[in-house]
Amino acid sequence: MNSSVQLPRPIRATHLVDIGANPVDGDPPYRPMMNAGLCRVTGFEPQQEALAELNEKKSELETYLPYAVGDGKTHTLKICRGSGMTSLLEPDLASLNLFEVLKPYAEVISRVPIETRRLDEIDEIQEMDFLKIDIQGGELEVFKNGTEKLKNTVAIQVEISFITLYENQPGMGEIDVELRRQGFVPHCFAAVKQWPIAPCVVNHEPRRALNQLLEADLVYVRDFSRPDSMTDEQLKHLALIVHHCYRSYDLALRCVMLLEQRGVIPTGSQAKYLQSFSRAHS
């Protein structure tokens, strides 16, 4: 992403929190902001091998900690054959039987007692502008135990499930209700995952899906239809996040418009933003 695009800068760098930072899905959405030096990252990953990989590759902008974030109680971490399926919840065999190729990765190979920490009580997080969270079914507990930290957050990327793969896992509807209750609205899908229903195999490709939705990375943002609930700094952080991470130029432009109307940035800032990103993507 072209860093010369004209967007107002916040007083401090945007703080990104990544809960379940295991790099199984490649680069995180905030990589363009990191490359531009616009943010710092605090990540949490309780799996030792994944944490070691993160620390080996991290930049000076990144900090990774071994905490499991949840409801503050002691749980059993179910370490699965596929590290991306490790969870505090028990895999649901009834659901996994629908997806034969996926099922082996959900095999629990060890169980480890682990203390979780409430998001609101993690001292290493003083500000949280953007939350990325993917912890295999534990997301709702984090939201419920992080209401104070989330008051200042402007964007959340959360993995939601259409077919739940763990016992007692909250589905998409429960996540949506909670985040709307805390002042967020859906903005876009960062990724949508479909999966073939067993025993169907299309063209000898066992991973080729037809229509069945399984999971998605859904992006929520602070409700911009009520801008009076957002500070000037929140609008600046939101503009940077949606521009660099999701190419949501329309939402970024609205943030610039609101800041210009408030007299926080110079008259003509909207036009400069439009011109700069149009030039960068022409």
Protein backbone atom coordinates (compact mmCIF):
# COMPACT_ATOMS: atom_id res chain seq x y z
CA MET A 1 0.00 0.00 0.00
CA ASN A 2 1.33 3.41 -0.95
CA SER A 3 2.32 5.21 2.26
CA SER A 4 2.11 8.61 0.52
CA VAL A 5 -1.70 8.58 0.63
CA GLN A 6 -2.94 11.65 2.48
CA LEU A 7 -4.52 10.49 5.74
CA PRO A 8 -4.43 12.33 9.07
CA ARG A 9 -2.00 10.78 11.56
CA PRO A 10 -3.03 10.04 15.15
CA ILE A 11 -1.00 11.38 18.07
CA ARG A 12 0.47 7.90 18.66
CA ALA A 13 1.01 4.83 16.52
CA THR A 14 -2.01 2.59 16.10
CA HIS A 15 -1.92 -0.31 18.57
CA LEU A 16 -2.96 -3.68 17.16
CA VAL A 17 -3.74 -6.62 19.44
CA ASP A 18 -3.63 -10.13 17.96
CA ILE A 19 -5.19 -12.83 20.16
CA GLY A 20 -4.32 -16.24 18.76
CA ALA A 21 -1.42 -14.93 16.69
CA ASN A 22 -0.39 -18.39 15.41
CA PRO A 23 0.74 -17.61 11.82
CA VAL A 24 -1.09 -20.53 10.17
CA ASP A 25 -2.91 -18.35 7.62
CA GLY A 26 0.04 -16.35 6.31
CA ASP A 27 0.46 -12.60 6.69
CA PRO A 28 -1.96 -10.85 9.05
CA PRO A 29 -4.22 -8.13 7.64
CA TYR A 30 -2.22 -5.42 9.40
CA ARG A 31 1.02 -6.26 7.55
CA PRO A 32 0.70 -3.18 5.27
CA MET A 33 0.51 -0.93 8.34
CA MET A 34 3.57 -2.60 9.83
CA ASN A 35 5.47 -2.20 6.57
CA ALA A 36 4.62 1.50 6.60
CA GLY A 37 5.68 1.88 10.26
CA LEU A 38 2.21 3.05 11.28
CA CYS A 39 1.52 0.65 14.12
CA ARG A 40 2.80 -1.58 16.89
CA VAL A 41 1.55 -5.08 17.65
CA THR A 42 0.98 -7.01 20.86
CA GLY A 43 0.18 -10.65 20.18
CA PHE A 44 -0.86 -13.57 22.38
CA GLU A 45 -0.15 -17.22 21.61
CA PRO A 46 -0.12 -19.98 24.25
CA GLN A 47 1.25 -22.71 21.94
CA GLN A 48 5.00 -22.87 22.52
CA GLU A 49 6.07 -23.77 18.98
CA ALA A 50 3.91 -21.09 17.39
CA LEU A 51 5.11 -18.52 19.93
CA ALA A 52 8.73 -19.41 19.21
CA GLU A 53 8.14 -18.93 15.48
CA LEU A 54 6.54 -15.54 16.05
CA ASN A 55 9.40 -14.36 18.27
CA GLU A 56 12.00 -15.61 15.79
CA LYS A 57 10.54 -13.60 12.94
CA LYS A 58 9.26 -10.51 14.77
CA SER A 59 10.31 -6.94 14.09
CA GLU A 60 10.95 -4.20 16.64
CA LEU A 61 7.29 -3.23 16.27
CA GLU A 62 6.02 -6.59 17.59
CA THR A 63 5.71 -8.11 21.08
CA TYR A 64 4.38 -11.63 21.66
CA LEU A 65 3.27 -13.07 25.00
CA PRO A 66 2.32 -16.64 26.02
CA TYR A 67 -1.05 -15.79 27.56
CA ALA A 68 -4.31 -17.58 26.83
CA VAL A 69 -7.00 -14.90 26.86
CA GLY A 70 -10.47 -15.82 28.08
CA ASP A 71 -12.65 -15.59 31.16
CA GLY A 72 -9.84 -15.55 33.75
CA LYS A 73 -10.46 -19.12 34.89
CA THR A 74 -8.35 -22.29 34.57
CA HIS A 75 -9.17 -24.46 31.58
CA THR A 76 -7.67 -27.36 29.64
CA LEU A 77 -6.02 -26.44 26.35
CA LYS A 78 -6.77 -29.14 23.79
CA ILE A 79 -3.70 -29.27 21.56
CA CYS A 80 -4.74 -30.70 18.20
CA ARG A 81 -2.76 -32.38 15.45
CA GLY A 82 -3.34 -29.29 13.36
CA SER A 83 -2.09 -26.42 15.53
CA GLY A 84 -4.62 -24.08 13.96
CA MET A 85 -7.40 -26.14 15.57
CA THR A 86 -6.03 -26.08 19.13
CA SER A 87 -8.75 -24.74 21.44
CA LEU A 88 -10.02 -24.44 24.98
CA LEU A 89 -13.11 -26.24 23.69
CA GLU A 90 -13.54 -29.91 22.88
CA PRO A 91 -13.79 -30.79 19.16
CA ASP A 92 -17.35 -31.73 18.17
CA LEU A 93 -17.18 -35.10 16.40
CA ALA A 94 -20.74 -34.82 15.09
CA SER A 95 -19.81 -31.69 13.13
CA LEU A 96 -16.36 -32.93 12.15
CA ASN A 97 -17.85 -36.10 10.66
CA LEU A 98 -19.34 -33.84 8.00
CA PHE A 99 -15.88 -32.80 6.82
CA GLU A 100 -13.65 -35.88 6.45
CA VAL A 101 -10.56 -34.02 5.23
CA LEU A 102 -10.69 -31.61 8.16
CA LYS A 103 -11.39 -34.18 10.87
CA PRO A 104 -7.80 -35.55 11.32
CA TYR A 105 -6.49 -32.06 12.12
CA ALA A 106 -8.91 -31.85 15.06
CA GLU A 107 -7.49 -34.93 16.78
CA VAL A 108 -6.49 -33.97 20.34
CA ILE A 109 -2.91 -35.13 20.92
CA SER A 110 -2.41 -33.61 24.37
CA ARG A 111 -4.29 -31.71 27.07
CA VAL A 112 -2.60 -28.99 29.07
CA PRO A 113 -4.10 -27.14 32.09
CA ILE A 114 -3.84 -23.43 31.46
CA GLU A 115 -4.85 -20.26 33.26
CA THR A 116 -6.62 -17.72 31.11
CA ARG A 117 -6.48 -13.96 31.53
CA ARG A 118 -9.33 -11.53 31.14
CA LEU A 119 -8.65 -8.99 28.41
CA ASP A 120 -9.59 -6.13 30.74
CA GLU A 121 -6.93 -7.26 33.23
CA ILE A 122 -3.94 -7.55 30.87
CA ASP A 123 -1.60 -4.74 31.90
CA GLU A 124 0.49 -5.01 28.73
CA ILE A 125 -2.46 -3.57 26.81
CA GLN A 126 -2.94 0.10 27.60
CA GLU A 127 -4.55 1.02 24.28
CA MET A 128 -6.25 -1.27 21.77
CA ASP A 129 -7.30 0.34 18.52
CA PHE A 130 -7.64 -2.81 16.43
CA LEU A 131 -8.30 -6.34 17.68
CA LYS A 132 -7.68 -9.41 15.54
CA ILE A 133 -8.90 -12.58 17.22
CA ASP A 134 -8.96 -16.23 16.14
CA ILE A 135 -8.98 -18.68 19.05
CA GLN A 136 -11.20 -21.48 17.81
CA GLY A 137 -14.44 -20.80 19.60
CA GLY A 138 -13.29 -18.76 22.58
CA GLU A 139 -13.89 -15.35 21.05
CA LEU A 140 -17.19 -14.57 22.79
CA GLU A 141 -15.68 -15.01 26.26
CA VAL A 142 -12.92 -12.58 25.34
CA PHE A 143 -15.45 -9.96 24.24
CA LYS A 144 -17.54 -10.39 27.38
CA ASN A 145 -14.45 -10.05 29.58
CA GLY A 146 -12.94 -7.16 27.66
CA THR A 147 -15.67 -4.53 27.61
CA GLU A 148 -13.48 -1.77 29.10
CA LYS A 149 -10.63 -2.30 26.64
CA LEU A 150 -13.08 -2.56 23.76
CA LYS A 151 -14.64 0.85 24.54
CA ASN A 152 -11.77 2.55 22.72
CA THR A 153 -11.37 -0.05 19.96
CA VAL A 154 -12.46 0.98 16.46
CA ALA A 155 -12.05 -2.26 14.47
CA ILE A 156 -12.22 -6.00 15.17
CA GLN A 157 -11.44 -8.90 12.85
CA VAL A 158 -12.96 -12.07 14.29
CA GLU A 159 -13.25 -15.61 12.99
CA ILE A 160 -16.92 -16.61 13.12
CA SER A 161 -18.41 -20.06 12.49
CA PHE A 162 -21.44 -20.96 10.40
CA ILE A 163 -20.99 -24.65 11.30
CA THR A 164 -19.48 -24.91 14.78
CA LEU A 165 -16.64 -27.43 15.09
CA TYR A 166 -16.36 -27.46 18.89
CA GLU A 167 -18.74 -28.44 21.65
CA ASN A 168 -20.69 -25.48 23.08
CA GLN A 169 -19.03 -23.12 20.60
CA PRO A 170 -20.89 -19.82 20.06
CA GLY A 171 -21.97 -19.34 16.47
CA MET A 172 -22.05 -16.29 14.25
CA GLY A 173 -25.33 -15.00 15.69
CA GLU A 174 -24.10 -14.89 19.28
CA ILE A 175 -20.90 -13.09 18.26
CA ASP A 176 -22.89 -10.57 16.23
CA VAL A 177 -25.31 -9.81 19.07
CA GLU A 178 -22.48 -9.21 21.54
CA LEU A 179 -20.44 -6.96 19.26
CA ARG A 180 -23.48 -4.91 18.27
CA ARG A 181 -24.27 -4.55 21.98
CA GLN A 182 -20.82 -3.06 22.43
CA GLY A 183 -21.26 -0.55 19.60
CA PHE A 184 -19.82 -2.33 16.55
CA VAL A 185 -21.37 -3.10 13.15
CA PRO A 186 -20.26 -5.56 10.44
CA HIS A 187 -18.14 -3.98 7.73
CA CYS A 188 -16.67 -6.62 5.43
CA PHE A 189 -15.51 -10.20 5.05
CA ALA A 190 -11.73 -10.48 5.10
CA ALA A 191 -12.01 -14.16 4.13
CA VAL A 192 -14.77 -16.73 3.65
CA LYS A 193 -14.02 -20.43 4.09
CA GLN A 194 -16.13 -23.10 2.42
CA TRP A 195 -15.65 -26.82 2.85
CA PRO A 196 -16.86 -29.93 1.00
CA ILE A 197 -19.50 -32.03 2.78
CA ALA A 198 -18.53 -35.70 3.08
CA PRO A 199 -18.55 -37.98 1.15
CA CYS A 200 -18.59 -35.71 -1.90
CA VAL A 201 -15.26 -35.29 -3.73
CA VAL A 202 -15.26 -33.08 -6.83
CA ASN A 203 -12.81 -33.96 -9.64
CA HIS A 204 -10.61 -35.96 -7.24
CA GLU A 205 -9.94 -32.78 -5.24
CA PRO A 206 -10.87 -33.60 -1.61
CA ARG A 207 -10.58 -29.95 -0.49
CA ARG A 208 -12.67 -28.47 -3.29
CA ALA A 209 -15.85 -27.03 -1.83
CA LEU A 210 -19.22 -26.45 -3.43
CA ASN A 211 -21.50 -24.18 -1.38
CA GLN A 212 -21.24 -25.09 2.29
CA LEU A 213 -20.08 -22.18 4.44
CA LEU A 214 -17.82 -23.18 7.32
CA GLU A 215 -16.10 -20.09 8.74
CA ALA A 216 -15.29 -16.51 7.86
CA ASP A 217 -13.05 -13.71 9.06
CA LEU A 218 -15.56 -10.93 9.61
CA VAL A 219 -14.52 -7.32 10.20
CA TYR A 220 -16.54 -5.17 12.60
CA VAL A 221 -16.02 -1.43 13.03
CA ARG A 222 -17.23 1.13 15.52
CA ASP A 223 -20.71 2.23 14.38
CA PHE A 224 -19.88 5.12 12.04
CA SER A 225 -23.56 6.04 11.65
CA ARG A 226 -23.17 7.59 15.11
CA PRO A 227 -19.92 9.52 14.73
CA ASP A 228 -20.55 11.63 17.83
CA SER A 229 -19.65 8.55 19.86
CA MET A 230 -16.13 8.58 18.38
CA THR A 231 -13.28 10.91 19.29
CA ASP A 232 -11.07 12.61 16.73
CA GLU A 233 -8.27 10.15 17.49
CA GLN A 234 -10.58 7.16 17.03
CA LEU A 235 -11.59 8.45 13.61
CA LYS A 236 -7.92 8.82 12.64
CA HIS A 237 -7.09 5.28 13.73
CA LEU A 238 -10.14 3.88 11.95
CA ALA A 239 -9.24 5.65 8.71
CA LEU A 240 -5.72 4.20 8.76
CA ILE A 241 -6.90 0.68 9.59
CA VAL A 242 -9.62 0.37 6.97
CA HIS A 243 -7.49 2.02 4.30
CA HIS A 244 -4.33 -0.05 4.76
CA CYS A 245 -5.77 -3.37 5.96
CA TYR A 246 -8.98 -3.67 3.93
CA ARG A 247 -8.82 -1.07 1.13
CA SER A 248 -12.09 0.39 2.39
CA TYR A 249 -11.47 3.78 0.85
CA ASP A 250 -15.09 4.85 1.19
CA LEU A 251 -15.08 4.41 4.97
CA ALA A 252 -11.67 6.05 5.24
CA LEU A 253 -12.97 9.00 3.24
CA ARG A 254 -15.98 9.35 5.54
CA CYS A 255 -13.62 9.52 8.53
CA VAL A 256 -11.64 12.24 6.77
CA MET A 257 -14.88 14.11 5.99
CA LEU A 258 -15.95 14.01 9.65
CA LEU A 259 -12.55 15.22 10.82
CA GLU A 260 -12.66 18.05 8.29
CA GLN A 261 -16.15 19.03 9.42
CA ARG A 262 -14.92 19.14 13.01
CA GLY A 263 -12.11 21.48 12.01
CA VAL A 264 -9.46 18.98 13.15
CA ILE A 265 -7.78 18.82 9.74
CA PRO A 266 -7.52 21.47 7.01
CA THR A 267 -10.29 22.22 4.54
CA GLY A 268 -9.63 20.30 1.35
CA SER A 269 -8.36 17.16 3.11
CA GLN A 270 -11.12 15.06 1.51
CA ALA A 271 -10.04 16.15 -1.95
CA LYS A 272 -6.37 15.44 -1.20
CA TYR A 273 -7.20 11.95 0.05
CA LEU A 274 -9.31 11.18 -3.01
CA GLN A 275 -6.56 12.45 -5.29
CA SER A 276 -3.77 10.58 -3.53
CA PHE A 277 -5.39 7.14 -3.40
CA SER A 278 -6.78 7.54 -6.94
CA ARG A 279 -3.26 8.27 -8.17
CA ALA A 280 -1.81 5.35 -6.22
CA HIS A 281 -4.34 2.91 -7.74
CA SER A 282 -4.65 4.26 -11.25
